C-alpha atoms as a PDB file:
ATOM      1  CA  MET A   1     127.319 137.239 103.712  1.00  0.00           C
ATOM      2  CA  SER A   2     124.754 134.628 102.230  1.00  0.00           C
ATOM      3  CA  ILE A   3     121.202 133.694 102.351  1.00  0.00           C
ATOM      4  CA  PHE A   4     120.790 130.150 102.078  1.00  0.00           C
ATOM      5  CA  LEU A   5     117.592 127.861 101.110  1.00  0.00           C
ATOM      6  CA  LEU A   6     117.972 124.004 102.528  1.00  0.00           C
ATOM      7  CA  VAL A   7     115.871 121.116 101.509  1.00  0.00           C
ATOM      8  CA  ASP A   8     115.388 117.828 102.790  1.00  0.00           C
ATOM      9  CA  ILE A   9     113.101 115.268 100.862  1.00  0.00           C
ATOM     10  CA  GLY A  10     112.319 112.340 102.632  1.00  0.00           C
ATOM     11  CA  ALA A  11     109.753 109.441 102.165  1.00  0.00           C
ATOM     12  CA  GLY A  12     107.248 111.044 104.936  1.00  0.00           C
ATOM     13  CA  THR A  13     108.652 114.825 104.663  1.00  0.00           C
ATOM     14  CA  MET A  14     109.803 117.460 102.910  1.00  0.00           C
ATOM     15  CA  ASP A  15     111.781 119.708 105.725  1.00  0.00           C
ATOM     16  CA  ILE A  16     112.477 123.120 104.507  1.00  0.00           C
ATOM     17  CA  LEU A  17     115.416 125.828 106.040  1.00  0.00           C
ATOM     18  CA  TYR A  18     115.614 129.260 104.924  1.00  0.00           C
ATOM     19  CA  PHE A  19     119.175 131.102 106.530  1.00  0.00           C
ATOM     20  CA  ASP A  20     120.176 133.768 106.377  1.00  0.00           C
ATOM     21  CA  GLU A  21     123.929 134.393 107.406  1.00  0.00           C
ATOM     22  CA  GLY A  22     123.800 138.237 107.906  1.00  0.00           C
ATOM     23  CA  SER A  23     121.364 138.465 110.519  1.00  0.00           C
ATOM     24  CA  ASP A  24     121.195 134.880 111.627  1.00  0.00           C
ATOM     25  CA  LEU A  25     117.605 134.744 110.908  1.00  0.00           C
ATOM     26  CA  HIS A  26     116.153 131.625 109.704  1.00  0.00           C
ATOM     27  CA  TYR A  27     112.467 130.074 108.927  1.00  0.00           C
ATOM     28  CA  LYS A  28     111.550 126.309 109.124  1.00  0.00           C
ATOM     29  CA  SER A  29     108.590 124.209 107.759  1.00  0.00           C
ATOM     30  CA  VAL A  30     107.473 120.640 107.542  1.00  0.00           C
ATOM     31  CA  VAL A  31     105.332 119.702 104.860  1.00  0.00           C
ATOM     32  CA  LYS A  32     103.920 116.555 103.231  1.00  0.00           C
ATOM     33  CA  SER A  33     106.606 115.057 101.041  1.00  0.00           C
ATOM     34  CA  PRO A  34     106.920 114.856  97.335  1.00  0.00           C
ATOM     35  CA  VAL A  35     106.001 111.641  96.758  1.00  0.00           C
ATOM     36  CA  ARG A  36     103.156 110.993  99.296  1.00  0.00           C
ATOM     37  CA  ASP A  37     101.434 114.696  97.354  1.00  0.00           C
ATOM     38  CA  ILE A  38     101.858 113.126  93.739  1.00  0.00           C
ATOM     39  CA  SER A  39     101.210 109.691  95.020  1.00  0.00           C
ATOM     40  CA  HIS A  40      97.748 111.288  96.442  1.00  0.00           C
ATOM     41  CA  LYS A  41      97.266 113.150  93.221  1.00  0.00           C
ATOM     42  CA  ALA A  42      97.790 110.683  91.173  1.00  0.00           C
ATOM     43  CA  ALA A  43      95.294 108.071  93.180  1.00  0.00           C
ATOM     44  CA  ALA A  44      92.537 110.963  92.617  1.00  0.00           C
ATOM     45  CA  ILE A  45      92.521 111.154  89.224  1.00  0.00           C
ATOM     46  CA  GLN A  46      90.723 108.793  86.829  1.00  0.00           C
ATOM     47  CA  GLY A  47      91.540 107.234  83.808  1.00  0.00           C
ATOM     48  CA  ASN A  48      94.608 106.627  82.045  1.00  0.00           C
ATOM     49  CA  LEU A  49      98.235 108.235  82.990  1.00  0.00           C
ATOM     50  CA  ALA A  50     100.555 110.261  80.739  1.00  0.00           C
ATOM     51  CA  VAL A  51     103.376 110.479  82.868  1.00  0.00           C
ATOM     52  CA  THR A  52     106.185 112.780  82.412  1.00  0.00           C
ATOM     53  CA  GLY A  53     109.307 114.692  84.644  1.00  0.00           C
ATOM     54  CA  CYS A  54     112.336 113.151  86.115  1.00  0.00           C
ATOM     55  CA  GLU A  55     113.343 110.025  88.494  1.00  0.00           C
ATOM     56  CA  MET A  56     112.421 111.094  92.152  1.00  0.00           C
ATOM     57  CA  GLY A  57     111.901 108.974  95.159  1.00  0.00           C
ATOM     58  CA  GLY A  58     109.808 106.209  94.552  1.00  0.00           C
ATOM     59  CA  GLY A  59     108.194 103.925  96.925  1.00  0.00           C
ATOM     60  CA  ALA A  60     103.931 105.261  96.951  1.00  0.00           C
ATOM     61  CA  ILE A  61     103.867 106.742  93.630  1.00  0.00           C
ATOM     62  CA  SER A  62     105.122 103.432  92.092  1.00  0.00           C
ATOM     63  CA  ASP A  63     102.696 101.494  93.909  1.00  0.00           C
ATOM     64  CA  VAL A  64     100.445 103.757  92.616  1.00  0.00           C
ATOM     65  CA  LEU A  65     101.400 103.758  88.746  1.00  0.00           C
ATOM     66  CA  LYS A  66     101.787  99.801  88.600  1.00  0.00           C
ATOM     67  CA  GLU A  67      97.960  99.713  90.705  1.00  0.00           C
ATOM     68  CA  ARG A  68      96.828 102.025  88.102  1.00  0.00           C
ATOM     69  CA  ALA A  69      98.485 100.011  84.722  1.00  0.00           C
ATOM     70  CA  ARG A  70      96.064  96.826  86.016  1.00  0.00           C
ATOM     71  CA  THR A  71      92.772  98.736  84.876  1.00  0.00           C
ATOM     72  CA  HIS A  72      94.299 101.618  82.412  1.00  0.00           C
ATOM     73  CA  GLU A  73      96.769 102.703  80.187  1.00  0.00           C
ATOM     74  CA  VAL A  74      99.795 104.208  81.624  1.00  0.00           C
ATOM     75  CA  VAL A  75     102.481 106.060  79.412  1.00  0.00           C
ATOM     76  CA  MET A  76     105.188 107.350  80.685  1.00  0.00           C
ATOM     77  CA  SER A  77     108.339 109.125  79.553  1.00  0.00           C
ATOM     78  CA  ALA A  78     112.099 107.265  79.905  1.00  0.00           C
ATOM     79  CA  SER A  79     113.121 109.833  82.612  1.00  0.00           C
ATOM     80  CA  SER A  80     110.253 109.505  84.496  1.00  0.00           C
ATOM     81  CA  ALA A  81     110.466 105.581  84.374  1.00  0.00           C
ATOM     82  CA  ALA A  82     113.336 105.811  86.218  1.00  0.00           C
ATOM     83  CA  THR A  83     111.932 106.325  89.003  1.00  0.00           C
ATOM     84  CA  ILE A  84     110.067 102.551  89.898  1.00  0.00           C
ATOM     85  CA  HIS A  85     113.281 100.940  88.218  1.00  0.00           C
ATOM     86  CA  HIS A  86     116.421 101.692  85.823  1.00  0.00           C
ATOM     87  CA  ASP A  87     115.853  98.522  84.215  1.00  0.00           C
ATOM     88  CA  LEU A  88     112.619 100.316  82.143  1.00  0.00           C
ATOM     89  CA  ASP A  89     111.870  96.335  80.748  1.00  0.00           C
ATOM     90  CA  ARG A  90     111.145  95.855  84.219  1.00  0.00           C
ATOM     91  CA  VAL A  91     108.691  98.604  84.130  1.00  0.00           C
ATOM     92  CA  ARG A  92     106.955  97.812  81.092  1.00  0.00           C
ATOM     93  CA  SER A  93     106.665  94.034  83.042  1.00  0.00           C
ATOM     94  CA  SER A  94     104.298  96.069  85.316  1.00  0.00           C
ATOM     95  CA  GLY A  95     102.374  97.023  81.929  1.00  0.00           C
ATOM     96  CA  ILE A  96     103.680 100.306  81.836  1.00  0.00           C
ATOM     97  CA  ARG A  97     103.773 101.599  78.434  1.00  0.00           C
ATOM     98  CA  VAL A  98     107.552 103.752  78.220  1.00  0.00           C
ATOM     99  CA  VAL A  99     108.457 105.815  75.409  1.00  0.00           C
ATOM    100  CA  ALA A 100     110.954 108.546  74.815  1.00  0.00           C
ATOM    101  CA  ASP A 101     110.685 111.951  76.321  1.00  0.00           C
ATOM    102  CA  MET A 102     109.243 113.265  73.510  1.00  0.00           C
ATOM    103  CA  GLU A 103     106.816 111.138  72.630  1.00  0.00           C
ATOM    104  CA  ALA A 104     105.384 111.419  76.052  1.00  0.00           C
ATOM    105  CA  GLU A 105     105.334 114.783  76.134  1.00  0.00           C
ATOM    106  CA  GLY A 106     102.508 114.673  73.271  1.00  0.00           C
ATOM    107  CA  PHE A 107     100.641 112.446  75.203  1.00  0.00           C
ATOM    108  CA  ARG A 108      99.817 115.453  77.274  1.00  0.00           C
ATOM    109  CA  GLY A 109      97.722 116.794  74.965  1.00  0.00           C
ATOM    110  CA  ASN A 110      95.918 113.653  74.372  1.00  0.00           C
ATOM    111  CA  PRO A 111      92.293 114.223  76.050  1.00  0.00           C
ATOM    112  CA  ASP A 112      92.130 110.643  76.314  1.00  0.00           C
ATOM    113  CA  PHE A 113      95.103 110.927  79.149  1.00  0.00           C
ATOM    114  CA  HIS A 114      95.992 113.119  82.461  1.00  0.00           C
ATOM    115  CA  PRO A 115      99.032 114.454  82.831  1.00  0.00           C
ATOM    116  CA  LEU A 116     101.059 113.747  86.106  1.00  0.00           C
ATOM    117  CA  VAL A 117     104.749 115.215  86.859  1.00  0.00           C
ATOM    118  CA  LEU A 118     107.039 113.445  88.497  1.00  0.00           C
ATOM    119  CA  GLN A 119     109.516 115.855  90.121  1.00  0.00           C
ATOM    120  CA  ASP A 120     111.143 116.023  93.838  1.00  0.00           C
ATOM    121  CA  LEU A 121     111.503 119.804  93.687  1.00  0.00           C
ATOM    122  CA  GLN A 122     107.797 120.859  92.963  1.00  0.00           C
ATOM    123  CA  MET A 123     108.634 124.342  92.105  1.00  0.00           C
ATOM    124  CA  GLU A 124     105.476 126.338  92.408  1.00  0.00           C
ATOM    125  CA  ARG A 125     104.874 124.212  95.611  1.00  0.00           C
ATOM    126  CA  LEU A 126     108.113 125.179  97.163  1.00  0.00           C
ATOM    127  CA  LYS A 127     108.212 128.524  96.196  1.00  0.00           C
ATOM    128  CA  GLY A 128     104.708 129.271  97.554  1.00  0.00           C
ATOM    129  CA  ILE A 129     106.053 127.798 101.004  1.00  0.00           C
ATOM    130  CA  VAL A 130     109.015 129.798 101.230  1.00  0.00           C
ATOM    131  CA  GLU A 131     107.204 132.974 100.157  1.00  0.00           C
ATOM    132  CA  GLY A 132     104.277 131.904 102.858  1.00  0.00           C
ATOM    133  CA  PHE A 133     107.844 132.849 105.447  1.00  0.00           C
ATOM    134  CA  GLY A 134     107.622 136.104 104.209  1.00  0.00           C
ATOM    135  CA  VAL A 135     110.773 136.430 102.550  1.00  0.00           C
ATOM    136  CA  PRO A 136     111.570 136.678  98.737  1.00  0.00           C
ATOM    137  CA  PHE A 137     112.706 133.389  96.621  1.00  0.00           C
ATOM    138  CA  ALA A 138     115.875 134.147  95.591  1.00  0.00           C
ATOM    139  CA  PHE A 139     119.085 132.731  97.130  1.00  0.00           C
ATOM    140  CA  ASP A 140     122.613 133.267  97.574  1.00  0.00           C
ATOM    141  CA  VAL A 141     123.138 129.232  98.146  1.00  0.00           C
ATOM    142  CA  VAL A 142     120.403 125.965  97.925  1.00  0.00           C
ATOM    143  CA  GLY A 143     121.461 122.865  99.360  1.00  0.00           C
ATOM    144  CA  VAL A 144     119.210 119.379  98.378  1.00  0.00           C
ATOM    145  CA  CYS A 145     119.580 116.405  99.973  1.00  0.00           C
ATOM    146  CA  ALA A 146     117.654 113.005  98.609  1.00  0.00           C
ATOM    147  CA  GLN A 147     118.522 109.371  99.194  1.00  0.00           C
ATOM    148  CA  ASP A 148     120.256 107.581  96.167  1.00  0.00           C
ATOM    149  CA  HIS A 149     121.076 103.877  95.801  1.00  0.00           C
ATOM    150  CA  GLY A 150     122.266 105.228  92.215  1.00  0.00           C
ATOM    151  CA  ILE A 151     123.091 103.228  89.074  1.00  0.00           C
ATOM    152  CA  SER A 152     124.757  99.620  90.110  1.00  0.00           C
ATOM    153  CA  GLU A 153     126.978  98.058  87.655  1.00  0.00           C
ATOM    154  CA  PRO A 154     125.307  94.535  86.496  1.00  0.00           C
ATOM    155  CA  GLY A 155     125.657  91.801  88.730  1.00  0.00           C
ATOM    156  CA  VAL A 156     125.764  94.325  91.989  1.00  0.00           C
ATOM    157  CA  SER A 157     123.256  95.203  94.060  1.00  0.00           C
ATOM    158  CA  HIS A 158     122.366  98.781  94.315  1.00  0.00           C
ATOM    159  CA  LEU A 159     122.981  98.364  98.114  1.00  0.00           C
ATOM    160  CA  ASP A 160     126.668  97.314  97.852  1.00  0.00           C
ATOM    161  CA  PHE A 161     127.005 100.203  95.482  1.00  0.00           C
ATOM    162  CA  ARG A 162     126.110 102.601  97.719  1.00  0.00           C
ATOM    163  CA  HIS A 163     127.895 101.308 100.208  1.00  0.00           C
ATOM    164  CA  ASP A 164     131.100 101.149  98.028  1.00  0.00           C
ATOM    165  CA  ILE A 165     130.572 104.913  97.134  1.00  0.00           C
ATOM    166  CA  PHE A 166     130.304 106.124 100.586  1.00  0.00           C
ATOM    167  CA  LYS A 167     133.718 103.780 101.215  1.00  0.00           C
ATOM    168  CA  ALA A 168     135.658 104.792  98.123  1.00  0.00           C
ATOM    169  CA  VAL A 169     135.333 108.795  99.849  1.00  0.00           C
ATOM    170  CA  LEU A 170     135.339 108.881 103.298  1.00  0.00           C
ATOM    171  CA  ASP A 171     137.987 105.976 103.468  1.00  0.00           C
ATOM    172  CA  ASP A 172     140.020 108.939 101.621  1.00  0.00           C
ATOM    173  CA  GLN A 173     138.649 111.711 103.658  1.00  0.00           C
ATOM    174  CA  PRO A 174     136.405 110.835 106.784  1.00  0.00           C
ATOM    175  CA  TYR A 175     134.383 113.806 106.621  1.00  0.00           C
ATOM    176  CA  ALA A 176     130.343 113.893 105.810  1.00  0.00           C
ATOM    177  CA  HIS A 177     131.247 116.813 103.600  1.00  0.00           C
ATOM    178  CA  ALA A 178     133.512 115.003 101.038  1.00  0.00           C
ATOM    179  CA  LEU A 179     130.102 113.810  99.597  1.00  0.00           C
ATOM    180  CA  LEU A 180     128.493 117.382  99.143  1.00  0.00           C
ATOM    181  CA  PHE A 181     128.612 118.067  95.378  1.00  0.00           C
ATOM    182  CA  ALA A 182     128.526 121.428  93.542  1.00  0.00           C
ATOM    183  CA  GLY A 183     125.119 121.089  91.245  1.00  0.00           C
ATOM    184  CA  ASN A 184     127.470 120.197  87.934  1.00  0.00           C
ATOM    185  CA  GLU A 185     129.627 117.948  89.647  1.00  0.00           C
ATOM    186  CA  VAL A 186     127.248 115.110  90.476  1.00  0.00           C
ATOM    187  CA  PRO A 187     128.285 111.619  89.670  1.00  0.00           C
ATOM    188  CA  HIS A 188     126.247 110.506  86.401  1.00  0.00           C
ATOM    189  CA  TYR A 189     125.501 107.311  88.690  1.00  0.00           C
ATOM    190  CA  LEU A 190     124.056 109.130  91.723  1.00  0.00           C
ATOM    191  CA  SER A 191     121.204 109.733  89.334  1.00  0.00           C
ATOM    192  CA  ARG A 192     118.157 111.103  91.783  1.00  0.00           C
ATOM    193  CA  LEU A 193     120.849 113.431  92.624  1.00  0.00           C
ATOM    194  CA  SER A 194     121.376 114.607  89.109  1.00  0.00           C
ATOM    195  CA  SER A 195     117.501 115.127  88.710  1.00  0.00           C
ATOM    196  CA  ILE A 196     117.367 116.968  91.410  1.00  0.00           C
ATOM    197  CA  ALA A 197     120.020 119.187  90.630  1.00  0.00           C
ATOM    198  CA  GLN A 198     119.075 119.761  86.931  1.00  0.00           C
ATOM    199  CA  SER A 199     115.758 120.577  88.457  1.00  0.00           C
ATOM    200  CA  ALA A 200     117.347 123.613  91.221  1.00  0.00           C
ATOM    201  CA  MET A 201     119.055 125.108  88.148  1.00  0.00           C
ATOM    202  CA  SER A 202     115.506 126.722  87.732  1.00  0.00           C
ATOM    203  CA  ILE A 203     115.864 128.110  91.403  1.00  0.00           C
ATOM    204  CA  PRO A 204     116.687 131.881  91.677  1.00  0.00           C
ATOM    205  CA  ALA A 205     120.418 131.182  92.799  1.00  0.00           C
ATOM    206  CA  LYS A 206     123.720 131.708  92.519  1.00  0.00           C
ATOM    207  CA  GLU A 207     124.794 128.334  93.909  1.00  0.00           C
ATOM    208  CA  ILE A 208     123.438 124.743  94.391  1.00  0.00           C
ATOM    209  CA  TYR A 209     124.676 121.998  95.931  1.00  0.00           C
ATOM    210  CA  VAL A 210     122.926 118.146  96.688  1.00  0.00           C
ATOM    211  CA  MET A 211     123.687 115.549  98.871  1.00  0.00           C
ATOM    212  CA  ASP A 212     122.789 112.349 100.168  1.00  0.00           C
ATOM    213  CA  SER A 213     120.141 112.518 103.101  1.00  0.00           C
ATOM    214  CA  GLY A 214     121.689 110.133 105.286  1.00  0.00           C
ATOM    215  CA  ILE A 215     124.957 111.865 105.158  1.00  0.00           C
ATOM    216  CA  ALA A 216     123.607 114.959 105.667  1.00  0.00           C
ATOM    217  CA  ALA A 217     121.958 113.825 109.120  1.00  0.00           C
ATOM    218  CA  ILE A 218     125.018 112.163 110.490  1.00  0.00           C
ATOM    219  CA  LEU A 219     126.068 115.282 109.996  1.00  0.00           C
ATOM    220  CA  GLY A 220     123.407 117.680 110.806  1.00  0.00           C
ATOM    221  CA  ALA A 221     122.984 115.187 114.394  1.00  0.00           C
ATOM    222  CA  SER A 222     126.562 116.530 115.054  1.00  0.00           C
ATOM    223  CA  MET A 223     126.147 120.134 115.253  1.00  0.00           C
ATOM    224  CA  ASP A 224     122.896 119.545 118.206  1.00  0.00           C
ATOM    225  CA  ALA A 225     124.519 121.473 121.351  1.00  0.00           C
ATOM    226  CA  GLU A 226     124.528 118.092 123.131  1.00  0.00           C
ATOM    227  CA  ALA A 227     127.107 116.889 120.734  1.00  0.00           C
ATOM    228  CA  ARG A 228     129.511 119.535 120.173  1.00  0.00           C
ATOM    229  CA  SER A 229     131.679 119.149 123.518  1.00  0.00           C
ATOM    230  CA  ARG A 230     131.997 115.839 122.993  1.00  0.00           C
ATOM    231  CA  GLN A 231     134.929 113.652 121.326  1.00  0.00           C
ATOM    232  CA  ASN A 232     133.394 110.104 120.552  1.00  0.00           C
ATOM    233  CA  PHE A 233     129.590 110.203 120.196  1.00  0.00           C
ATOM    234  CA  MET A 234     126.871 108.129 118.602  1.00  0.00           C
ATOM    235  CA  ILE A 235     124.161 109.723 116.186  1.00  0.00           C
ATOM    236  CA  LEU A 236     120.716 107.867 116.146  1.00  0.00           C
ATOM    237  CA  ASP A 237     118.497 109.022 113.012  1.00  0.00           C
ATOM    238  CA  VAL A 238     114.710 107.737 113.735  1.00  0.00           C
ATOM    239  CA  ALA A 239     113.608 108.967 109.867  1.00  0.00           C
ATOM    240  CA  THR A 240     109.921 107.898 108.624  1.00  0.00           C
ATOM    241  CA  SER A 241     111.736 105.675 106.039  1.00  0.00           C
ATOM    242  CA  HIS A 242     115.107 104.805 106.847  1.00  0.00           C
ATOM    243  CA  THR A 243     117.042 104.557 110.229  1.00  0.00           C
ATOM    244  CA  LEU A 244     121.022 105.552 109.859  1.00  0.00           C
ATOM    245  CA  GLY A 245     123.120 105.058 113.261  1.00  0.00           C
ATOM    246  CA  ALA A 246     126.636 106.369 113.218  1.00  0.00           C
ATOM    247  CA  ALA A 247     129.493 107.065 115.330  1.00  0.00           C
ATOM    248  CA  ILE A 248     131.822 109.952 115.101  1.00  0.00           C
ATOM    249  CA  MET A 249     135.133 111.060 116.651  1.00  0.00           C
ATOM    250  CA  GLY A 250     135.410 114.232 116.939  1.00  0.00           C
ATOM    251  CA  ARG A 251     134.490 115.414 112.921  1.00  0.00           C
ATOM    252  CA  GLU A 252     135.097 112.424 111.695  1.00  0.00           C
ATOM    253  CA  ILE A 253     132.690 109.612 110.768  1.00  0.00           C
ATOM    254  CA  ALA A 254     134.373 106.628 112.422  1.00  0.00           C
ATOM    255  CA  GLY A 255     130.923 104.293 110.926  1.00  0.00           C
ATOM    256  CA  PHE A 256     127.725 103.796 110.885  1.00  0.00           C
ATOM    257  CA  PHE A 257     124.780 101.390 109.645  1.00  0.00           C
ATOM    258  CA  GLU A 258     121.544 101.765 108.220  1.00  0.00           C
ATOM    259  CA  TYR A 259     117.845  99.907 108.099  1.00  0.00           C
ATOM    260  CA  HIS A 260     114.729 100.256 107.173  1.00  0.00           C
ATOM    261  CA  THR A 261     112.881 101.872 110.409  1.00  0.00           C
ATOM    262  CA  ARG A 262     109.868  99.396 109.641  1.00  0.00           C
ATOM    263  CA  ASP A 263     112.007  96.516 109.685  1.00  0.00           C
ATOM    264  CA  ILE A 264     114.559  97.488 113.011  1.00  0.00           C
ATOM    265  CA  THR A 265     113.228  97.092 116.452  1.00  0.00           C
ATOM    266  CA  PRO A 266     114.499  98.755 119.506  1.00  0.00           C
ATOM    267  CA  GLY A 267     116.612  95.744 120.953  1.00  0.00           C
ATOM    268  CA  ARG A 268     117.597  95.051 117.601  1.00  0.00           C
ATOM    269  CA  LEU A 269     118.911  98.955 117.301  1.00  0.00           C
ATOM    270  CA  GLU A 270     121.137  98.691 121.364  1.00  0.00           C
ATOM    271  CA  VAL A 271     122.753  95.779 119.811  1.00  0.00           C
ATOM    272  CA  LEU A 272     123.676  97.497 116.056  1.00  0.00           C
ATOM    273  CA  LEU A 273     124.810 100.152 118.251  1.00  0.00           C
ATOM    274  CA  ARG A 274     127.096  98.318 120.491  1.00  0.00           C
ATOM    275  CA  GLU A 275     128.662  96.519 117.473  1.00  0.00           C
ATOM    276  CA  LEU A 276     129.428 100.060 115.443  1.00  0.00           C
ATOM    277  CA  ALA A 277     130.859 101.644 118.651  1.00  0.00           C
ATOM    278  CA  ASP A 278     133.180  98.295 119.061  1.00  0.00           C
ATOM    279  CA  GLY A 279     134.063  97.577 115.645  1.00  0.00           C
ATOM    280  CA  ARG A 280     132.267  94.627 115.260  1.00  0.00           C
ATOM    281  CA  ILE A 281     129.455  94.960 112.703  1.00  0.00           C
ATOM    282  CA  ASP A 282     129.783  93.697 109.147  1.00  0.00           C
ATOM    283  CA  HIS A 283     128.034  95.158 106.027  1.00  0.00           C
ATOM    284  CA  LYS A 284     127.213  91.950 104.666  1.00  0.00           C
ATOM    285  CA  LYS A 285     125.354  90.754 107.776  1.00  0.00           C
ATOM    286  CA  ILE A 286     123.554  93.742 107.901  1.00  0.00           C
ATOM    287  CA  LEU A 287     122.440  92.998 104.350  1.00  0.00           C
ATOM    288  CA  ALA A 288     121.932  89.253 105.062  1.00  0.00           C
ATOM    289  CA  GLU A 289     119.448  90.334 107.756  1.00  0.00           C
ATOM    290  CA  GLY A 290     117.416  93.150 105.185  1.00  0.00           C
ATOM    291  CA  GLY A 291     119.267  96.175 106.374  1.00  0.00           C
ATOM    292  CA  HIS A 292     120.306  98.742 104.027  1.00  0.00           C
ATOM    293  CA  GLY A 293     124.484  97.861 105.090  1.00  0.00           C
ATOM    294  CA  ALA A 294     127.117  99.155 107.364  1.00  0.00           C
ATOM    295  CA  TYR A 295     130.187 101.232 106.903  1.00  0.00           C
ATOM    296  CA  ILE A 296     133.554 100.981 109.392  1.00  0.00           C
ATOM    297  CA  ARG A 297     136.503 103.007 109.494  1.00  0.00           C
ATOM    298  CA  ARG A 298     137.762 103.449 113.167  1.00  0.00           C
ATOM    299  CA  HIS A 299     136.120 102.745 116.535  1.00  0.00           C
ATOM    300  CA  PHE A 300     136.220 103.570 120.090  1.00  0.00           C
ATOM    301  CA  GLY A 301     134.871 101.399 121.934  1.00  0.00           C
ATOM    302  CA  PHE A 302     131.094 101.387 123.568  1.00  0.00           C
ATOM    303  CA  GLU A 303     131.947 102.124 126.990  1.00  0.00           C
ATOM    304  CA  ALA A 304     133.898 105.153 125.730  1.00  0.00           C
ATOM    305  CA  THR A 305     130.680 106.580 124.025  1.00  0.00           C
ATOM    306  CA  GLU A 306     130.151 109.916 125.674  1.00  0.00           C
ATOM    307  CA  ALA A 307     126.541 110.124 124.463  1.00  0.00           C
ATOM    308  CA  ILE A 308     123.834 109.198 122.266  1.00  0.00           C
ATOM    309  CA  ILE A 309     122.215 111.627 120.165  1.00  0.00           C
ATOM    310  CA  ALA A 310     118.822 110.540 119.048  1.00  0.00           C
ATOM    311  CA  THR A 311     116.727 112.629 115.873  1.00  0.00           C
ATOM    312  CA  GLY A 312     114.255 112.228 113.217  1.00  0.00           C
ATOM    313  CA  PRO A 313     110.573 112.288 113.281  1.00  0.00           C
ATOM    314  CA  ARG A 314     110.233 108.693 114.513  1.00  0.00           C
ATOM    315  CA  ARG A 315     113.241 109.209 117.581  1.00  0.00           C
ATOM    316  CA  ALA A 316     110.082 108.305 120.002  1.00  0.00           C
ATOM    317  CA  LEU A 317     110.289 104.458 119.028  1.00  0.00           C
ATOM    318  CA  VAL A 318     114.331 104.524 120.979  1.00  0.00           C
ATOM    319  CA  GLN A 319     113.655 106.585 123.920  1.00  0.00           C
ATOM    320  CA  ASP A 320     113.081 103.258 126.435  1.00  0.00           C
ATOM    321  CA  LEU A 321     116.264 101.892 124.623  1.00  0.00           C
ATOM    322  CA  GLY A 322     119.001 100.365 127.535  1.00  0.00           C
ATOM    323  CA  PRO A 323     121.620 102.987 126.605  1.00  0.00           C
ATOM    324  CA  PRO A 324     120.969 106.470 127.736  1.00  0.00           C
ATOM    325  CA  MET A 325     119.588 109.113 124.895  1.00  0.00           C
ATOM    326  CA  VAL A 326     120.319 112.442 124.127  1.00  0.00           C
ATOM    327  CA  LEU A 327     116.805 113.577 122.576  1.00  0.00           C
ATOM    328  CA  GLY A 328     118.602 115.976 119.684  1.00  0.00           C
ATOM    329  CA  ALA A 329     117.633 119.259 118.140  1.00  0.00           C
ATOM    330  CA  PRO A 330     119.797 120.777 115.796  1.00  0.00           C
ATOM    331  CA  LEU A 331     119.212 124.698 115.324  1.00  0.00           C
ATOM    332  CA  GLY A 332     116.575 124.247 117.917  1.00  0.00           C
ATOM    333  CA  ASP A 333     114.157 121.421 116.265  1.00  0.00           C
ATOM    334  CA  ASN A 334     114.707 117.617 115.358  1.00  0.00           C
ATOM    335  CA  MET A 335     113.149 117.803 112.242  1.00  0.00           C
ATOM    336  CA  MET A 336     116.086 120.115 110.897  1.00  0.00           C
ATOM    337  CA  THR A 337     118.791 117.628 111.781  1.00  0.00           C
ATOM    338  CA  GLY A 338     119.239 117.393 107.217  1.00  0.00           C
ATOM    339  CA  THR A 339     118.369 120.834 106.685  1.00  0.00           C
ATOM    340  CA  VAL A 340     120.936 121.871 109.303  1.00  0.00           C
ATOM    341  CA  GLY A 341     123.655 118.791 107.951  1.00  0.00           C
ATOM    342  CA  LEU A 342     123.447 120.568 104.443  1.00  0.00           C
ATOM    343  CA  LEU A 343     124.074 123.960 105.381  1.00  0.00           C
ATOM    344  CA  GLU A 344     126.999 123.161 107.547  1.00  0.00           C
ATOM    345  CA  ALA A 345     128.217 120.924 104.704  1.00  0.00           C
ATOM    346  CA  ILE A 346     128.203 123.718 102.534  1.00  0.00           C
ATOM    347  CA  ARG A 347     129.717 126.062 105.407  1.00  0.00           C
ATOM    348  CA  ARG A 348     132.600 123.724 105.495  1.00  0.00           C
ATOM    349  CA  ARG A 349     132.891 123.184 101.666  1.00  0.00           C
ATOM    350  CA  LYS A 350     133.114 126.713 101.388  1.00  0.00           C
ATOM    351  CA  GLY A 351     135.041 127.682 104.501  1.00  0.00           C
ATOM    352  CA  LEU A 352     132.763 130.158 106.176  1.00  0.00           C
END
């Protein structure tokens, strides 16, 4: 029997699940996301910044650093600068000085600069949260999920690239756990997940796994009690930053779409769910609308949909949609969708 630590790193929150397989005991926590925590700390620091660490989720911290570079010096290691953009010349065009990792470490001792470390896994913070459960910070298995667009080839958009990654795997193995990676097998082009896997190696654990948070959410929502007795159902995970809809046939992912939550309306969501179930959704059309894309493999028809399971921190946005919604709560908590998906992906991969 194993002790699991599952961590879902989102734009708004970091969701943590401690699960003891032997006793079925579990503890949960939802806290401020690393990108919000670090960006708030960076904004509170006055003066020049020496930034080290690794690639993490961007958004708020990227905005803070670019704004600071307008009035002060910001020096970033090449590894941490990938948080803003993988094209380091574009980072430099924001007025940020990008240097080699070793050179950046030297700036941390410079009294004219304030140090700042970028990382999705803030180890001391994570350790404090887990020890607050009253359990040791030591595990058999650790799983972490986050969104990763990957490093695309020249001329290929990061959204098309992410779509192609999913399509290549799911066309062959249409199961969410097929997109789970052990810490030592993360493809090099999934740079954010690679950074997370590397950071996670310092956690006292026997095994490390990482996964895209969107795929983890699909699997987690499908573990809701309302979904387990269904054959053809849909999932709508409305998170702080992204909204993801998926069609499920048994255990197979039939298709999905993804948008920024801020860009989607309830009316458009209802149309997308119908198009997805009917097999009429189109990746390029979704991109043209400003969405993140779509994938379709099979379809069962909207009229044959047995349930629509809504999860995520902002699911209240869809509770009044025309199609009836079931408010999902995997493991009793709609905020644990990603962590439950991680847990189930690991269990399936290990044959548990």
